[in-house]
Amino acid sequence: MRNLVLLFLFGNFLLMGCSATKTYGPTLVSKNTYLVEREEGTFPLNNLPLVQEAEKIAVHFCNIRNEQIDVISTKTNPGPYILGNYPKGSVYFSCISKLSDIQRLSILNKSSSCITKSAIEFDDGISEVGSLSKAIVNECYDPCVAQKEKFMNKSESYFTGSCIAEATNALYKTRNITRQGGSFKVFNDFMFSKRKGDGHFRNTIHTFSSDYSSNLYFYCSVGTYNDSVNTHYLSLAGKTIQNLGLEYNSKGKINLSVNGVEHEFVFLEGEFDDNYELQIPLANITEYLNSNKIIVSNDKHTIVFSTKGYMDAKERMIKECSGINKDL
């Protein structure tokens, strides 16, 4: 009997001594990868609460760094639960910068802009695409790989591979357009493109805002057989509407200042972005590219667009579209 009592007391001592839930970590286990674990001394029916508790600790850890959590994987101890092997929930995670939609788009636009411009400048039309793609990624390593790795929490090899694929696609796309009679030209921060459509050529010059979240386009379409498709207009796309603190209005118009002069814009669904755009039909290109600044604003917000290369881009656009309107 005495032995049974001692055994009972010893068992209770073990249970009491092991009943407290313990936390291990967060511990840095590799580059920007942390591990936090919650271990239970008793024997619950499953480990899910432990994983959830560990994830809450991980979220708090990232929050105090003003970052957000990116859960890489979770793991539970499958048992059997015997002395020294207690229920445990583990969470591997990273802390990444909190990016707004506009910040994320800025990073992506810087990358795609560099790749597209480099594809235009590097390609001679006959060189092997694979080698050119690697050269383009080397040229665009910072925006396409380093910055994405820093803010989007994927590996260098992942972004290198995706950038090579993007560069390859850009090369094939520009070659295809060129073979159909189109052309491209880079003027510093402006890019000119001429693409053949159904019975017309569409000419475009494009530049980004200083933070790469808004796009400015001038378009003109010139008919190859008749002038019924001739048109030209200015478009503000990307996150322009959000950057100006506006809401999309399918039937709306709004006055905005361009370089201090008020102009009427109409709201339209975006053509190249998953967003909406503001457009001025029949816009006079010289009215907007007549100085070394392009500033679009309303009473609360301002967007500054790059003007590097704007004079050469404007001259090319006027040359290609001169038959449309003498005031282009």
Protein backbone atom coordinates (compact mmCIF):
# COMPACT_ATOMS: atom_id res chain seq x y z
CA MET A 1 0.00 0.00 0.00
CA ARG A 2 2.79 2.39 0.93
CA ASN A 3 4.37 1.79 -2.48
CA LEU A 4 1.07 2.46 -4.26
CA VAL A 5 0.64 5.75 -2.42
CA LEU A 6 4.16 6.79 -3.29
CA LEU A 7 3.59 5.87 -6.91
CA PHE A 8 0.33 7.85 -6.97
CA LEU A 9 2.01 10.88 -5.45
CA PHE A 10 4.93 10.59 -7.85
CA GLY A 11 2.51 10.40 -10.78
CA ASN A 12 0.69 13.48 -9.59
CA PHE A 13 3.99 15.27 -9.20
CA LEU A 14 4.92 14.45 -12.78
CA LEU A 15 1.58 15.67 -14.08
CA MET A 16 1.71 18.86 -12.06
CA GLY A 17 5.30 19.49 -13.02
CA CYS A 18 4.51 19.03 -16.69
CA SER A 19 1.13 20.74 -16.82
CA ALA A 20 2.38 24.23 -17.68
CA THR A 21 2.41 25.27 -21.36
CA LYS A 22 5.83 26.42 -22.46
CA THR A 23 6.85 28.77 -25.26
CA TYR A 24 10.08 28.41 -27.20
CA GLY A 25 11.11 31.28 -29.46
CA PRO A 26 10.69 33.04 -31.71
CA THR A 27 14.15 31.87 -32.74
CA LEU A 28 15.93 32.84 -35.95
CA VAL A 29 16.63 29.58 -37.78
CA SER A 30 17.72 30.95 -41.18
CA LYS A 31 17.66 34.18 -43.16
CA ASN A 32 14.43 35.96 -42.12
CA THR A 33 12.88 32.66 -41.02
CA TYR A 34 11.81 32.21 -37.42
CA LEU A 35 10.47 29.31 -35.38
CA VAL A 36 8.07 29.60 -32.44
CA GLU A 37 6.76 26.58 -30.54
CA ARG A 38 4.15 25.98 -27.88
CA GLU A 39 4.53 22.80 -25.83
CA GLU A 40 1.87 21.39 -23.50
CA GLY A 41 2.72 19.33 -20.45
CA THR A 42 -0.65 17.60 -20.33
CA PHE A 43 -2.25 15.59 -23.09
CA PRO A 44 -4.98 17.43 -25.03
CA LEU A 45 -7.01 15.73 -27.75
CA ASN A 46 -5.20 17.57 -30.57
CA ASN A 47 -2.43 20.08 -31.16
CA LEU A 48 -4.39 22.67 -33.15
CA PRO A 49 -4.80 25.11 -30.24
CA LEU A 50 -1.05 24.99 -29.71
CA VAL A 51 -0.43 25.91 -33.35
CA GLN A 52 -2.92 28.74 -33.11
CA GLU A 53 -1.30 30.01 -29.92
CA ALA A 54 2.14 29.84 -31.54
CA GLU A 55 0.86 31.77 -34.55
CA LYS A 56 -0.54 34.52 -32.29
CA ILE A 57 2.90 34.87 -30.73
CA ALA A 58 4.45 35.08 -34.21
CA VAL A 59 1.95 37.74 -35.29
CA HIS A 60 2.74 39.82 -32.20
CA PHE A 61 6.46 39.41 -32.84
CA CYS A 62 6.09 40.82 -36.37
CA ASN A 63 3.71 43.56 -35.28
CA ILE A 64 6.17 45.04 -32.81
CA ARG A 65 8.62 45.24 -35.73
CA ASN A 66 5.92 47.08 -37.73
CA GLU A 67 5.84 44.17 -40.17
CA GLN A 68 3.33 41.51 -41.12
CA ILE A 69 3.61 37.75 -40.74
CA ASP A 70 4.11 35.33 -43.61
CA VAL A 71 3.53 31.79 -42.34
CA ILE A 72 5.89 29.39 -44.09
CA SER A 73 4.71 26.15 -42.49
CA THR A 74 3.19 24.66 -39.34
CA LYS A 75 3.92 21.37 -37.62
CA THR A 76 2.51 19.35 -34.74
CA ASN A 77 4.05 16.58 -32.67
CA PRO A 78 2.16 13.43 -33.69
CA GLY A 79 2.92 11.47 -30.52
CA PRO A 80 2.86 9.04 -28.85
CA TYR A 81 2.74 11.38 -25.88
CA ILE A 82 4.99 9.85 -23.27
CA LEU A 83 7.37 11.29 -20.75
CA GLY A 84 9.68 13.71 -22.61
CA ASN A 85 7.52 13.80 -25.75
CA TYR A 86 4.70 16.24 -25.13
CA PRO A 87 2.16 17.78 -27.50
CA LYS A 88 3.79 20.61 -29.42
CA GLY A 89 2.72 23.08 -32.09
CA SER A 90 5.39 24.71 -34.25
CA VAL A 91 5.15 27.66 -36.64
CA TYR A 92 7.87 28.64 -39.11
CA PHE A 93 7.35 32.20 -40.29
CA SER A 94 8.91 35.35 -41.68
CA CYS A 95 8.23 39.00 -40.98
CA ILE A 96 7.77 41.04 -44.14
CA SER A 97 7.20 44.71 -44.77
CA LYS A 98 3.60 45.86 -44.76
CA LEU A 99 2.94 46.89 -48.34
CA SER A 100 -0.09 48.79 -49.53
CA ASP A 101 -1.52 48.01 -52.96
CA ILE A 102 0.14 51.16 -54.26
CA GLN A 103 3.55 50.21 -52.83
CA ARG A 104 3.30 46.72 -54.28
CA LEU A 105 2.35 48.10 -57.69
CA SER A 106 5.29 50.53 -57.55
CA ILE A 107 7.73 47.67 -57.00
CA LEU A 108 6.24 45.64 -59.84
CA ASN A 109 6.19 48.62 -62.22
CA LYS A 110 9.84 49.47 -61.58
CA SER A 111 10.73 45.91 -62.41
CA SER A 112 8.60 45.60 -65.54
CA SER A 113 9.72 49.00 -66.80
CA CYS A 114 13.38 48.05 -66.54
CA ILE A 115 12.82 44.70 -68.23
CA THR A 116 10.79 46.15 -71.10
CA LYS A 117 13.24 48.98 -71.78
CA SER A 118 16.23 46.64 -71.56
CA ALA A 119 14.57 44.17 -73.93
CA ILE A 120 14.11 46.98 -76.46
CA GLU A 121 17.66 48.26 -76.09
CA PHE A 122 19.45 44.88 -75.93
CA ASP A 123 17.63 43.00 -78.69
CA ASP A 124 19.05 42.95 -82.20
CA GLY A 125 16.39 40.58 -83.47
CA ILE A 126 18.69 37.62 -84.05
CA SER A 127 20.59 36.90 -80.82
CA GLU A 128 19.68 33.89 -78.71
CA VAL A 129 16.80 34.78 -76.40
CA GLY A 130 18.03 32.79 -73.41
CA SER A 131 21.34 34.67 -73.22
CA LEU A 132 19.62 38.01 -73.73
CA SER A 133 17.13 37.25 -70.96
CA LYS A 134 19.93 36.58 -68.49
CA ALA A 135 21.69 39.79 -69.55
CA ILE A 136 18.45 41.73 -69.02
CA VAL A 137 18.02 40.28 -65.53
CA ASN A 138 21.62 41.24 -64.69
CA GLU A 139 20.84 44.78 -65.83
CA CYS A 140 17.58 44.87 -63.84
CA TYR A 141 18.74 42.86 -60.83
CA ASP A 142 17.93 45.51 -58.22
CA PRO A 143 14.29 46.27 -59.15
CA CYS A 144 13.47 42.79 -60.42
CA VAL A 145 15.19 40.60 -57.82
CA ALA A 146 16.70 42.47 -54.87
CA GLN A 147 13.75 44.77 -54.14
CA LYS A 148 11.18 42.01 -54.54
CA GLU A 149 13.20 39.69 -52.30
CA LYS A 150 13.38 42.43 -49.67
CA PHE A 151 9.68 43.28 -49.61
CA MET A 152 7.86 40.20 -50.92
CA ASN A 153 9.54 37.41 -48.99
CA LYS A 154 10.50 34.97 -51.71
CA SER A 155 13.96 33.65 -52.39
CA GLU A 156 16.51 35.19 -54.72
CA SER A 157 16.35 32.12 -56.96
CA TYR A 158 12.55 32.42 -57.17
CA PHE A 159 12.63 36.04 -58.34
CA THR A 160 15.59 35.42 -60.64
CA GLY A 161 13.64 32.66 -62.36
CA SER A 162 10.47 34.75 -62.65
CA CYS A 163 12.43 37.72 -64.02
CA ILE A 164 14.12 35.56 -66.64
CA ALA A 165 10.69 34.33 -67.70
CA GLU A 166 9.40 37.92 -67.84
CA ALA A 167 12.41 39.03 -69.88
CA THR A 168 11.96 36.12 -72.28
CA ASN A 169 8.32 37.03 -72.77
CA ALA A 170 9.22 40.70 -73.35
CA LEU A 171 11.77 39.75 -76.03
CA TYR A 172 9.35 37.52 -77.92
CA LYS A 173 6.62 40.15 -77.66
CA THR A 174 8.77 43.00 -79.00
CA ARG A 175 10.14 40.81 -81.81
CA ASN A 176 6.65 39.79 -82.84
CA ILE A 177 5.44 43.40 -82.93
CA THR A 178 8.54 44.48 -84.87
CA ARG A 179 8.08 41.74 -87.47
CA GLN A 180 4.55 42.98 -88.06
CA GLY A 181 5.82 46.44 -88.92
CA GLY A 182 5.78 47.99 -85.46
CA SER A 183 8.65 49.61 -83.60
CA PHE A 184 9.90 50.67 -80.18
CA LYS A 185 12.13 53.42 -78.89
CA VAL A 186 13.27 54.36 -75.40
CA PHE A 187 13.71 58.06 -74.58
CA ASN A 188 15.07 58.00 -71.02
CA ASP A 189 11.94 57.67 -68.85
CA PHE A 190 9.58 57.77 -71.84
CA MET A 191 8.93 54.79 -74.06
CA PHE A 192 7.49 54.99 -77.58
CA SER A 193 5.73 52.07 -79.23
CA LYS A 194 4.10 51.60 -82.62
CA ARG A 195 1.87 48.57 -83.06
CA LYS A 196 -0.02 47.36 -86.09
CA GLY A 197 -3.72 46.74 -85.57
CA ASP A 198 -6.60 45.87 -87.84
CA GLY A 199 -6.33 48.54 -90.51
CA HIS A 200 -4.37 50.99 -88.39
CA PHE A 201 -1.19 51.67 -86.45
CA ARG A 202 -1.43 52.61 -82.81
CA ASN A 203 1.27 54.89 -81.46
CA THR A 204 1.91 55.40 -77.76
CA ILE A 205 4.28 57.26 -75.50
CA HIS A 206 4.30 56.39 -71.84
CA THR A 207 5.93 57.46 -68.60
CA PHE A 208 5.48 56.74 -64.89
CA SER A 209 4.88 58.99 -61.92
CA SER A 210 7.85 59.53 -59.63
CA ASP A 211 6.75 56.65 -57.38
CA TYR A 212 5.88 54.36 -60.32
CA SER A 213 2.27 53.89 -59.21
CA SER A 214 0.56 56.07 -61.85
CA ASN A 215 0.87 55.89 -65.64
CA LEU A 216 0.60 58.64 -68.23
CA TYR A 217 -0.11 57.70 -71.85
CA PHE A 218 -0.55 59.65 -75.06
CA TYR A 219 -2.19 57.58 -77.80
CA CYS A 220 -2.89 58.12 -81.45
CA SER A 221 -4.30 55.67 -83.97
CA VAL A 222 -3.63 56.21 -87.67
CA GLY A 223 -5.63 54.31 -90.31
CA THR A 224 -3.68 52.48 -92.99
CA TYR A 225 -6.55 52.58 -95.52
CA ASN A 226 -8.71 55.51 -94.42
CA ASP A 227 -8.95 58.02 -91.63
CA SER A 228 -12.16 56.73 -90.04
CA VAL A 229 -10.19 55.19 -87.15
CA ASN A 230 -7.96 58.21 -86.59
CA THR A 231 -8.03 59.41 -83.01
CA HIS A 232 -5.80 60.60 -80.21
CA TYR A 233 -6.14 61.07 -76.46
CA LEU A 234 -4.36 61.34 -73.13
CA SER A 235 -4.86 58.74 -70.41
CA LEU A 236 -3.93 58.59 -66.72
CA ALA A 237 -3.97 55.01 -65.44
CA GLY A 238 -2.45 52.75 -62.79
CA LYS A 239 -3.37 54.00 -59.31
CA THR A 240 -4.05 57.57 -60.44
CA ILE A 241 -7.63 57.63 -59.20
CA GLN A 242 -6.60 56.28 -55.78
CA ASN A 243 -3.60 58.60 -55.59
CA LEU A 244 -5.89 61.57 -56.13
CA GLY A 245 -8.31 60.35 -53.46
CA LEU A 246 -11.10 59.84 -56.01
CA GLU A 247 -13.73 57.15 -56.50
CA TYR A 248 -14.60 55.68 -59.88
CA ASN A 249 -17.73 57.09 -61.49
CA SER A 250 -18.80 55.27 -64.67
CA LYS A 251 -20.64 58.31 -65.99
CA GLY A 252 -18.62 60.98 -64.31
CA LYS A 253 -16.30 63.77 -65.30
CA ILE A 254 -13.87 65.67 -63.16
CA ASN A 255 -11.66 68.72 -63.47
CA LEU A 256 -8.00 68.29 -62.64
CA SER A 257 -5.09 70.68 -62.89
CA VAL A 258 -2.28 69.79 -65.30
CA ASN A 259 0.73 72.05 -64.81
CA GLY A 260 -1.54 74.64 -63.24
CA VAL A 261 -4.18 74.62 -66.00
CA GLU A 262 -7.57 73.04 -65.36
CA HIS A 263 -8.75 70.30 -67.74
CA GLU A 264 -11.81 68.07 -67.85
CA PHE A 265 -11.20 64.31 -67.60
CA VAL A 266 -13.70 61.50 -68.06
CA PHE A 267 -13.71 58.23 -66.10
CA LEU A 268 -13.20 55.05 -68.12
CA GLU A 269 -12.47 51.39 -67.43
CA GLY A 270 -8.72 50.75 -67.70
CA GLU A 271 -7.37 49.08 -70.81
CA PHE A 272 -4.02 47.76 -69.61
CA ASP A 273 -4.53 47.73 -65.83
CA ASP A 274 -6.97 46.06 -63.48
CA ASN A 275 -7.98 49.58 -62.52
CA TYR A 276 -9.77 52.54 -63.99
CA GLU A 277 -8.39 55.50 -65.85
CA LEU A 278 -8.99 59.17 -66.52
CA GLN A 279 -8.97 60.31 -70.13
CA ILE A 280 -8.97 63.49 -72.20
CA PRO A 281 -10.23 62.71 -75.74
CA LEU A 282 -8.49 64.56 -78.58
CA ALA A 283 -5.85 65.90 -76.22
CA ASN A 284 -3.29 68.25 -77.71
CA ILE A 285 0.09 66.73 -76.90
CA THR A 286 1.94 70.03 -77.02
CA GLU A 287 -0.44 71.44 -74.42
CA TYR A 288 0.71 68.88 -71.86
CA LEU A 289 4.33 68.40 -72.88
CA ASN A 290 5.27 72.04 -73.24
CA SER A 291 7.54 72.36 -70.20
CA ASN A 292 9.97 70.34 -68.14
CA LYS A 293 7.23 69.25 -65.73
CA ILE A 294 4.06 67.15 -65.73
CA ILE A 295 2.11 67.70 -62.53
CA VAL A 296 -1.47 66.51 -62.13
CA SER A 297 -3.36 67.66 -59.05
CA ASN A 298 -6.67 68.38 -57.39
CA ASP A 299 -7.35 70.34 -54.23
CA LYS A 300 -5.87 67.64 -51.97
CA HIS A 301 -3.34 65.52 -53.87
CA THR A 302 -0.55 65.90 -56.41
CA ILE A 303 1.07 63.43 -58.83
CA VAL A 304 4.41 64.27 -60.42
CA PHE A 305 5.32 62.42 -63.62
CA SER A 306 8.81 61.98 -64.97
CA THR A 307 9.78 64.18 -67.91
CA LYS A 308 13.20 62.76 -68.80
CA GLY A 309 13.22 62.35 -72.56
CA TYR A 310 9.84 64.00 -73.06
CA MET A 311 10.98 66.33 -75.88
CA ASP A 312 12.30 63.52 -78.08
CA ALA A 313 9.28 61.37 -77.27
CA LYS A 314 6.92 64.21 -78.16
CA GLU A 315 8.67 64.85 -81.47
CA ARG A 316 8.45 61.16 -82.40
CA MET A 317 4.77 61.08 -81.52
CA ILE A 318 3.99 64.20 -83.57
CA LYS A 319 5.88 62.76 -86.53
CA GLU A 320 3.98 59.46 -86.44
CA CYS A 321 0.58 61.11 -85.89
CA SER A 322 0.90 64.32 -87.91
CA GLY A 323 -1.81 63.26 -90.35
CA ILE A 324 -4.49 63.06 -87.69
CA ASN A 325 -4.77 66.60 -86.46
CA LYS A 326 -2.66 69.63 -87.13
CA ASP A 327 -3.00 70.59 -83.48
CA LEU A 328 -1.76 67.26 -82.12
